[in-house]
Amino acid sequence: MIVKDGKRVSVSVSQETKGLLDSIKHRGQSYDGLIHELAMRWQKMKEAEANKSNPGTETKTIKGLGNAGMNKRNQEPERGAH
């Protein structure tokens, strides 16, 4: 699914899943930012797994998972920034 910048969609999760998300997100982090972070970590893990089992192969990056696509409020502040 491709969503243009600025558009929002709804995602339904169970109370149990919401509790799990709440337990791992940073204070003030949005669910959008948390899900984005989890998806990026999953993608990097899969790439590392694929490269480990098949050296020299590359995996396709999922469109829209780069930090450039995140809203500024969902990004962690740069180190040293005040």
PDB file of N, CA and C in Angstrom:
ATOM      1  N   MET A   1       0.844  -1.171   0.000  1.00  0.00           N
ATOM      2  CA  MET A   1       0.000   0.000   0.000  1.00  0.00           C
ATOM      3  C   MET A   1       0.892   1.237   0.000  1.00  0.00           C
ATOM      4  N   ILE A   2       0.612   2.160  -0.861  1.00  0.00           N
ATOM      5  CA  ILE A   2       1.364   3.407  -0.932  1.00  0.00           C
ATOM      6  C   ILE A   2       0.471   4.526  -0.417  1.00  0.00           C
ATOM      7  N   VAL A   3       0.982   5.273   0.554  1.00  0.00           N
ATOM      8  CA  VAL A   3       0.238   6.380   1.138  1.00  0.00           C
ATOM      9  C   VAL A   3       1.031   7.650   0.873  1.00  0.00           C
ATOM     10  N   LYS A   4       0.379   8.651   0.305  1.00  0.00           N
ATOM     11  CA  LYS A   4       1.055   9.918   0.036  1.00  0.00           C
ATOM     12  C   LYS A   4       1.361  10.627   1.342  1.00  0.00           C
ATOM     13  N   ASP A   5       2.421  11.460   1.327  1.00  0.00           N
ATOM     14  CA  ASP A   5       2.802  12.211   2.525  1.00  0.00           C
ATOM     15  C   ASP A   5       1.618  13.013   3.048  1.00  0.00           C
ATOM     16  N   GLY A   6       1.477  13.004   4.369  1.00  0.00           N
ATOM     17  CA  GLY A   6       0.426  13.767   5.004  1.00  0.00           C
ATOM     18  C   GLY A   6      -0.882  13.011   5.167  1.00  0.00           C
ATOM     19  N   LYS A   7      -1.040  11.906   4.482  1.00  0.00           N
ATOM     20  CA  LYS A   7      -2.259  11.111   4.606  1.00  0.00           C
ATOM     21  C   LYS A   7      -2.115  10.176   5.795  1.00  0.00           C
ATOM     22  N   ARG A   8      -3.201   9.849   6.421  1.00  0.00           N
ATOM     23  CA  ARG A   8      -3.212   8.959   7.575  1.00  0.00           C
ATOM     24  C   ARG A   8      -4.183   7.818   7.327  1.00  0.00           C
ATOM     25  N   VAL A   9      -3.899   6.678   7.903  1.00  0.00           N
ATOM     26  CA  VAL A   9      -4.795   5.531   7.876  1.00  0.00           C
ATOM     27  C   VAL A   9      -4.987   5.057   9.302  1.00  0.00           C
ATOM     28  N   SER A  10      -6.013   4.282   9.528  1.00  0.00           N
ATOM     29  CA  SER A  10      -6.270   3.737  10.860  1.00  0.00           C
ATOM     30  C   SER A  10      -5.820   2.290  10.914  1.00  0.00           C
ATOM     31  N   VAL A  11      -5.343   1.885  12.076  1.00  0.00           N
ATOM     32  CA  VAL A  11      -4.946   0.506  12.317  1.00  0.00           C
ATOM     33  C   VAL A  11      -5.611   0.079  13.610  1.00  0.00           C
ATOM     34  N   SER A  12      -6.240  -1.068  13.593  1.00  0.00           N
ATOM     35  CA  SER A  12      -6.916  -1.577  14.781  1.00  0.00           C
ATOM     36  C   SER A  12      -6.045  -2.643  15.434  1.00  0.00           C
ATOM     37  N   VAL A  13      -5.805  -2.494  16.740  1.00  0.00           N
ATOM     38  CA  VAL A  13      -5.038  -3.484  17.494  1.00  0.00           C
ATOM     39  C   VAL A  13      -5.819  -3.855  18.752  1.00  0.00           C
ATOM     40  N   SER A  14      -5.546  -5.046  19.261  1.00  0.00           N
ATOM     41  CA  SER A  14      -6.215  -5.484  20.480  1.00  0.00           C
ATOM     42  C   SER A  14      -5.657  -4.721  21.678  1.00  0.00           C
ATOM     43  N   GLN A  15      -6.383  -4.767  22.793  1.00  0.00           N
ATOM     44  CA  GLN A  15      -5.912  -4.135  24.028  1.00  0.00           C
ATOM     45  C   GLN A  15      -4.573  -4.734  24.456  1.00  0.00           C
ATOM     46  N   GLU A  16      -4.423  -6.057  24.267  1.00  0.00           N
ATOM     47  CA  GLU A  16      -3.179  -6.726  24.635  1.00  0.00           C
ATOM     48  C   GLU A  16      -2.011  -6.184  23.806  1.00  0.00           C
ATOM     49  N   THR A  17      -2.217  -6.030  22.494  1.00  0.00           N
ATOM     50  CA  THR A  17      -1.164  -5.501  21.624  1.00  0.00           C
ATOM     51  C   THR A  17      -0.852  -4.056  21.983  1.00  0.00           C
ATOM     52  N   LYS A  18      -1.881  -3.259  22.270  1.00  0.00           N
ATOM     53  CA  LYS A  18      -1.662  -1.866  22.676  1.00  0.00           C
ATOM     54  C   LYS A  18      -0.810  -1.830  23.944  1.00  0.00           C
ATOM     55  N   GLY A  19      -1.091  -2.736  24.890  1.00  0.00           N
ATOM     56  CA  GLY A  19      -0.295  -2.806  26.114  1.00  0.00           C
ATOM     57  C   GLY A  19       1.167  -3.129  25.821  1.00  0.00           C
ATOM     58  N   LEU A  20       1.401  -4.058  24.885  1.00  0.00           N
ATOM     59  CA  LEU A  20       2.778  -4.391  24.504  1.00  0.00           C
ATOM     60  C   LEU A  20       3.473  -3.188  23.858  1.00  0.00           C
ATOM     61  N   LEU A  21       2.757  -2.491  22.976  1.00  0.00           N
ATOM     62  CA  LEU A  21       3.329  -1.309  22.330  1.00  0.00           C
ATOM     63  C   LEU A  21       3.645  -0.234  23.367  1.00  0.00           C
ATOM     64  N   ASP A  22       2.730  -0.032  24.307  1.00  0.00           N
ATOM     65  CA  ASP A  22       2.955   0.959  25.361  1.00  0.00           C
ATOM     66  C   ASP A  22       4.178   0.617  26.205  1.00  0.00           C
ATOM     67  N   SER A  23       4.414  -0.678  26.403  1.00  0.00           N
ATOM     68  CA  SER A  23       5.534  -1.092  27.260  1.00  0.00           C
ATOM     69  C   SER A  23       6.897  -0.892  26.603  1.00  0.00           C
ATOM     70  N   ILE A  24       6.931  -0.751  25.270  1.00  0.00           N
ATOM     71  CA  ILE A  24       8.237  -0.604  24.600  1.00  0.00           C
ATOM     72  C   ILE A  24       8.460   0.765  23.977  1.00  0.00           C
ATOM     73  N   LYS A  25       7.418   1.588  23.924  1.00  0.00           N
ATOM     74  CA  LYS A  25       7.638   2.896  23.292  1.00  0.00           C
ATOM     75  C   LYS A  25       8.269   3.882  24.272  1.00  0.00           C
ATOM     76  N   HIS A  26       8.964   4.847  23.719  1.00  0.00           N
ATOM     77  CA  HIS A  26       9.596   5.888  24.526  1.00  0.00           C
ATOM     78  C   HIS A  26       8.539   6.886  24.975  1.00  0.00           C
ATOM     79  N   ARG A  27       8.779   7.548  26.081  1.00  0.00           N
ATOM     80  CA  ARG A  27       7.845   8.566  26.563  1.00  0.00           C
ATOM     81  C   ARG A  27       7.679   9.638  25.479  1.00  0.00           C
ATOM     82  N   GLY A  28       6.460   9.925  25.126  1.00  0.00           N
ATOM     83  CA  GLY A  28       6.169  10.944  24.122  1.00  0.00           C
ATOM     84  C   GLY A  28       6.226  10.445  22.692  1.00  0.00           C
ATOM     85  N   GLN A  29       6.669   9.203  22.477  1.00  0.00           N
ATOM     86  CA  GLN A  29       6.748   8.662  21.124  1.00  0.00           C
ATOM     87  C   GLN A  29       5.352   8.291  20.646  1.00  0.00           C
ATOM     88  N   SER A  30       5.055   8.619  19.402  1.00  0.00           N
ATOM     89  CA  SER A  30       3.754   8.272  18.843  1.00  0.00           C
ATOM     90  C   SER A  30       3.740   6.799  18.446  1.00  0.00           C
ATOM     91  N   TYR A  31       2.528   6.255  18.310  1.00  0.00           N
ATOM     92  CA  TYR A  31       2.423   4.877  17.838  1.00  0.00           C
ATOM     93  C   TYR A  31       2.969   4.775  16.415  1.00  0.00           C
ATOM     94  N   ASP A  32       2.755   5.805  15.612  1.00  0.00           N
ATOM     95  CA  ASP A  32       3.283   5.830  14.248  1.00  0.00           C
ATOM     96  C   ASP A  32       4.807   5.706  14.277  1.00  0.00           C
ATOM     97  N   GLY A  33       5.449   6.482  15.143  1.00  0.00           N
ATOM     98  CA  GLY A  33       6.902   6.435  15.252  1.00  0.00           C
ATOM     99  C   GLY A  33       7.391   5.081  15.742  1.00  0.00           C
ATOM    100  N   LEU A  34       6.683   4.491  16.702  1.00  0.00           N
ATOM    101  CA  LEU A  34       7.062   3.189  17.235  1.00  0.00           C
ATOM    102  C   LEU A  34       6.929   2.103  16.174  1.00  0.00           C
ATOM    103  N   ILE A  35       5.801   2.084  15.475  1.00  0.00           N
ATOM    104  CA  ILE A  35       5.590   1.070  14.444  1.00  0.00           C
ATOM    105  C   ILE A  35       6.612   1.226  13.329  1.00  0.00           C
ATOM    106  N   HIS A  36       6.920   2.465  12.974  1.00  0.00           N
ATOM    107  CA  HIS A  36       7.944   2.736  11.954  1.00  0.00           C
ATOM    108  C   HIS A  36       9.296   2.188  12.413  1.00  0.00           C
ATOM    109  N   GLU A  37       9.651   2.453  13.656  1.00  0.00           N
ATOM    110  CA  GLU A  37      10.921   1.973  14.207  1.00  0.00           C
ATOM    111  C   GLU A  37      10.971   0.442  14.203  1.00  0.00           C
ATOM    112  N   LEU A  38       9.888  -0.201  14.617  1.00  0.00           N
ATOM    113  CA  LEU A  38       9.835  -1.660  14.626  1.00  0.00           C
ATOM    114  C   LEU A  38       9.973  -2.228  13.209  1.00  0.00           C
ATOM    115  N   ALA A  39       9.302  -1.596  12.247  1.00  0.00           N
ATOM    116  CA  ALA A  39       9.374  -2.071  10.864  1.00  0.00           C
ATOM    117  C   ALA A  39      10.791  -1.923  10.311  1.00  0.00           C
ATOM    118  N   MET A  40      11.456  -0.818  10.634  1.00  0.00           N
ATOM    119  CA  MET A  40      12.838  -0.623  10.166  1.00  0.00           C
ATOM    120  C   MET A  40      13.771  -1.653  10.793  1.00  0.00           C
ATOM    121  N   ARG A  41      13.599  -1.924  12.090  1.00  0.00           N
ATOM    122  CA  ARG A  41      14.435  -2.935  12.750  1.00  0.00           C
ATOM    123  C   ARG A  41      14.201  -4.314  12.164  1.00  0.00           C
ATOM    124  N   TRP A  42      12.944  -4.643  11.886  1.00  0.00           N
ATOM    125  CA  TRP A  42      12.619  -5.924  11.280  1.00  0.00           C
ATOM    126  C   TRP A  42      13.280  -6.036   9.909  1.00  0.00           C
ATOM    127  N   GLN A  43      13.183  -4.963   9.112  1.00  0.00           N
ATOM    128  CA  GLN A  43      13.777  -4.975   7.776  1.00  0.00           C
ATOM    129  C   GLN A  43      15.288  -5.159   7.856  1.00  0.00           C
ATOM    130  N   LYS A  44      15.963  -4.454   8.754  1.00  0.00           N
ATOM    131  CA  LYS A  44      17.416  -4.594   8.900  1.00  0.00           C
ATOM    132  C   LYS A  44      17.783  -6.005   9.341  1.00  0.00           C
ATOM    133  N   MET A  45      16.983  -6.593  10.240  1.00  0.00           N
ATOM    134  CA  MET A  45      17.239  -7.955  10.694  1.00  0.00           C
ATOM    135  C   MET A  45      17.105  -8.929   9.532  1.00  0.00           C
ATOM    136  N   LYS A  46      16.073  -8.780   8.712  1.00  0.00           N
ATOM    137  CA  LYS A  46      15.874  -9.654   7.568  1.00  0.00           C
ATOM    138  C   LYS A  46      17.002  -9.490   6.549  1.00  0.00           C
ATOM    139  N   GLU A  47      17.460  -8.254   6.331  1.00  0.00           N
ATOM    140  CA  GLU A  47      18.582  -8.019   5.411  1.00  0.00           C
ATOM    141  C   GLU A  47      19.843  -8.690   5.923  1.00  0.00           C
ATOM    142  N   ALA A  48      20.121  -8.555   7.226  1.00  0.00           N
ATOM    143  CA  ALA A  48      21.302  -9.175   7.810  1.00  0.00           C
ATOM    144  C   ALA A  48      21.210 -10.694   7.727  1.00  0.00           C
ATOM    145  N   GLU A  49      20.027 -11.214   7.964  1.00  0.00           N
ATOM    146  CA  GLU A  49      19.792 -12.657   7.878  1.00  0.00           C
ATOM    147  C   GLU A  49      20.031 -13.159   6.455  1.00  0.00           C
ATOM    148  N   ALA A  50      19.515 -12.432   5.475  1.00  0.00           N
ATOM    149  CA  ALA A  50      19.677 -12.815   4.072  1.00  0.00           C
ATOM    150  C   ALA A  50      21.139 -12.721   3.651  1.00  0.00           C
ATOM    151  N   ASN A  51      21.823 -11.673   4.084  1.00  0.00           N
ATOM    152  CA  ASN A  51      23.233 -11.503   3.721  1.00  0.00           C
ATOM    153  C   ASN A  51      24.112 -12.563   4.376  1.00  0.00           C
ATOM    154  N   LYS A  52      23.727 -12.985   5.571  1.00  0.00           N
ATOM    155  CA  LYS A  52      24.485 -14.008   6.285  1.00  0.00           C
ATOM    156  C   LYS A  52      24.353 -15.364   5.587  1.00  0.00           C
ATOM    157  N   SER A  53      23.145 -15.692   5.139  1.00  0.00           N
ATOM    158  CA  SER A  53      22.925 -16.985   4.498  1.00  0.00           C
ATOM    159  C   SER A  53      23.295 -16.987   3.020  1.00  0.00           C
ATOM    160  N   ASN A  54      23.279 -15.816   2.384  1.00  0.00           N
ATOM    161  CA  ASN A  54      23.612 -15.687   0.961  1.00  0.00           C
ATOM    162  C   ASN A  54      24.540 -14.502   0.747  1.00  0.00           C
ATOM    163  N   PRO A  55      25.815 -14.621   1.087  1.00  0.00           N
ATOM    164  CA  PRO A  55      26.733 -13.487   0.921  1.00  0.00           C
ATOM    165  C   PRO A  55      26.726 -12.987  -0.519  1.00  0.00           C
ATOM    166  N   GLY A  56      26.767 -11.681  -0.650  1.00  0.00           N
ATOM    167  CA  GLY A  56      26.784 -11.072  -1.978  1.00  0.00           C
ATOM    168  C   GLY A  56      25.412 -10.761  -2.538  1.00  0.00           C
ATOM    169  N   THR A  57      24.360 -11.152  -1.840  1.00  0.00           N
ATOM    170  CA  THR A  57      23.020 -10.832  -2.309  1.00  0.00           C
ATOM    171  C   THR A  57      22.508  -9.608  -1.572  1.00  0.00           C
ATOM    172  N   GLU A  58      21.643  -8.893  -2.230  1.00  0.00           N
ATOM    173  CA  GLU A  58      21.043  -7.713  -1.607  1.00  0.00           C
ATOM    174  C   GLU A  58      19.544  -7.922  -1.523  1.00  0.00           C
ATOM    175  N   THR A  59      18.940  -7.346  -0.506  1.00  0.00           N
ATOM    176  CA  THR A  59      17.488  -7.411  -0.381  1.00  0.00           C
ATOM    177  C   THR A  59      16.897  -6.065  -0.748  1.00  0.00           C
ATOM    178  N   LYS A  60      15.673  -6.096  -1.192  1.00  0.00           N
ATOM    179  CA  LYS A  60      14.984  -4.876  -1.600  1.00  0.00           C
ATOM    180  C   LYS A  60      14.483  -4.123  -0.370  1.00  0.00           C
ATOM    181  N   THR A  61      14.746  -2.838  -0.304  1.00  0.00           N
ATOM    182  CA  THR A  61      14.268  -2.004   0.791  1.00  0.00           C
ATOM    183  C   THR A  61      12.786  -1.716   0.585  1.00  0.00           C
ATOM    184  N   ILE A  62      12.032  -1.828   1.656  1.00  0.00           N
ATOM    185  CA  ILE A  62      10.604  -1.544   1.586  1.00  0.00           C
ATOM    186  C   ILE A  62      10.423  -0.045   1.398  1.00  0.00           C
ATOM    187  N   LYS A  63       9.684   0.325   0.367  1.00  0.00           N
ATOM    188  CA  LYS A  63       9.468   1.737   0.063  1.00  0.00           C
ATOM    189  C   LYS A  63       8.778   2.438   1.223  1.00  0.00           C
ATOM    190  N   GLY A  64       9.293   3.609   1.590  1.00  0.00           N
ATOM    191  CA  GLY A  64       8.668   4.412   2.625  1.00  0.00           C
ATOM    192  C   GLY A  64       9.187   4.167   4.018  1.00  0.00           C
ATOM    193  N   LEU A  65      10.171   3.251   4.193  1.00  0.00           N
ATOM    194  CA  LEU A  65      10.660   2.985   5.537  1.00  0.00           C
ATOM    195  C   LEU A  65      11.906   3.784   5.881  1.00  0.00           C
ATOM    196  N   GLY A  66      12.388   4.607   4.982  1.00  0.00           N
ATOM    197  CA  GLY A  66      13.549   5.423   5.300  1.00  0.00           C
ATOM    198  C   GLY A  66      13.185   6.535   6.262  1.00  0.00           C
ATOM    199  N   ASN A  67      14.164   7.036   6.998  1.00  0.00           N
ATOM    200  CA  ASN A  67      13.898   8.118   7.945  1.00  0.00           C
ATOM    201  C   ASN A  67      13.383   9.370   7.264  1.00  0.00           C
ATOM    202  N   ALA A  68      13.699   9.545   5.988  1.00  0.00           N
ATOM    203  CA  ALA A  68      13.240  10.738   5.282  1.00  0.00           C
ATOM    204  C   ALA A  68      11.721  10.786   5.214  1.00  0.00           C
ATOM    205  N   GLY A  69      11.066   9.628   5.265  1.00  0.00           N
ATOM    206  CA  GLY A  69       9.614   9.582   5.187  1.00  0.00           C
ATOM    207  C   GLY A  69       8.918   9.802   6.514  1.00  0.00           C
ATOM    208  N   MET A  70       9.677   9.837   7.604  1.00  0.00           N
ATOM    209  CA  MET A  70       9.067  10.021   8.921  1.00  0.00           C
ATOM    210  C   MET A  70       8.775  11.488   9.179  1.00  0.00           C
ATOM    211  N   ASN A  71       7.753  11.738   9.963  1.00  0.00           N
ATOM    212  CA  ASN A  71       7.476  13.109  10.396  1.00  0.00           C
ATOM    213  C   ASN A  71       8.545  13.520  11.391  1.00  0.00           C
ATOM    214  N   LYS A  72       8.886  14.785  11.420  1.00  0.00           N
ATOM    215  CA  LYS A  72       9.916  15.283  12.325  1.00  0.00           C
ATOM    216  C   LYS A  72       9.607  14.944  13.777  1.00  0.00           C
ATOM    217  N   ARG A  73       8.329  14.977  14.172  1.00  0.00           N
ATOM    218  CA  ARG A  73       7.989  14.731  15.568  1.00  0.00           C
ATOM    219  C   ARG A  73       8.229  13.284  15.974  1.00  0.00           C
ATOM    220  N   ASN A  74       8.343  12.377  14.997  1.00  0.00           N
ATOM    221  CA  ASN A  74       8.550  10.973  15.298  1.00  0.00           C
ATOM    222  C   ASN A  74      10.026  10.598  15.319  1.00  0.00           C
ATOM    223  N   GLN A  75      10.887  11.504  14.898  1.00  0.00           N
ATOM    224  CA  GLN A  75      12.306  11.197  14.861  1.00  0.00           C
ATOM    225  C   GLN A  75      12.946  11.547  16.190  1.00  0.00           C
ATOM    226  N   GLU A  76      13.935  10.754  16.554  1.00  0.00           N
ATOM    227  CA  GLU A  76      14.688  11.067  17.768  1.00  0.00           C
ATOM    228  C   GLU A  76      15.553  12.290  17.488  1.00  0.00           C
ATOM    229  N   PRO A  77      15.738  13.164  18.467  1.00  0.00           N
ATOM    230  CA  PRO A  77      16.582  14.344  18.252  1.00  0.00           C
ATOM    231  C   PRO A  77      18.022  13.921  18.026  1.00  0.00           C
ATOM    232  N   GLU A  78      18.723  14.717  17.220  1.00  0.00           N
ATOM    233  CA  GLU A  78      20.135  14.436  16.968  1.00  0.00           C
ATOM    234  C   GLU A  78      20.919  14.615  18.253  1.00  0.00           C
ATOM    235  N   ARG A  79      21.949  13.809  18.409  1.00  0.00           N
ATOM    236  CA  ARG A  79      22.793  13.939  19.603  1.00  0.00           C
ATOM    237  C   ARG A  79      23.471  15.299  19.587  1.00  0.00           C
ATOM    238  N   GLY A  80      23.477  15.926  20.739  1.00  0.00           N
ATOM    239  CA  GLY A  80      24.102  17.236  20.868  1.00  0.00           C
ATOM    240  C   GLY A  80      23.148  18.380  20.564  1.00  0.00           C
ATOM    241  N   ALA A  81      21.957  18.048  20.022  1.00  0.00           N
ATOM    242  CA  ALA A  81      20.982  19.099  19.730  1.00  0.00           C
ATOM    243  C   ALA A  81      20.345  19.561  21.039  1.00  0.00           C
ATOM    244  N   HIS A  82      20.018  20.844  21.131  1.00  0.00           N
ATOM    245  CA  HIS A  82      19.403  21.392  22.347  1.00  0.00           C
ATOM    246  C   HIS A  82      17.999  21.772  22.087  1.00  0.00           C
TER     247      HIS A  82
END
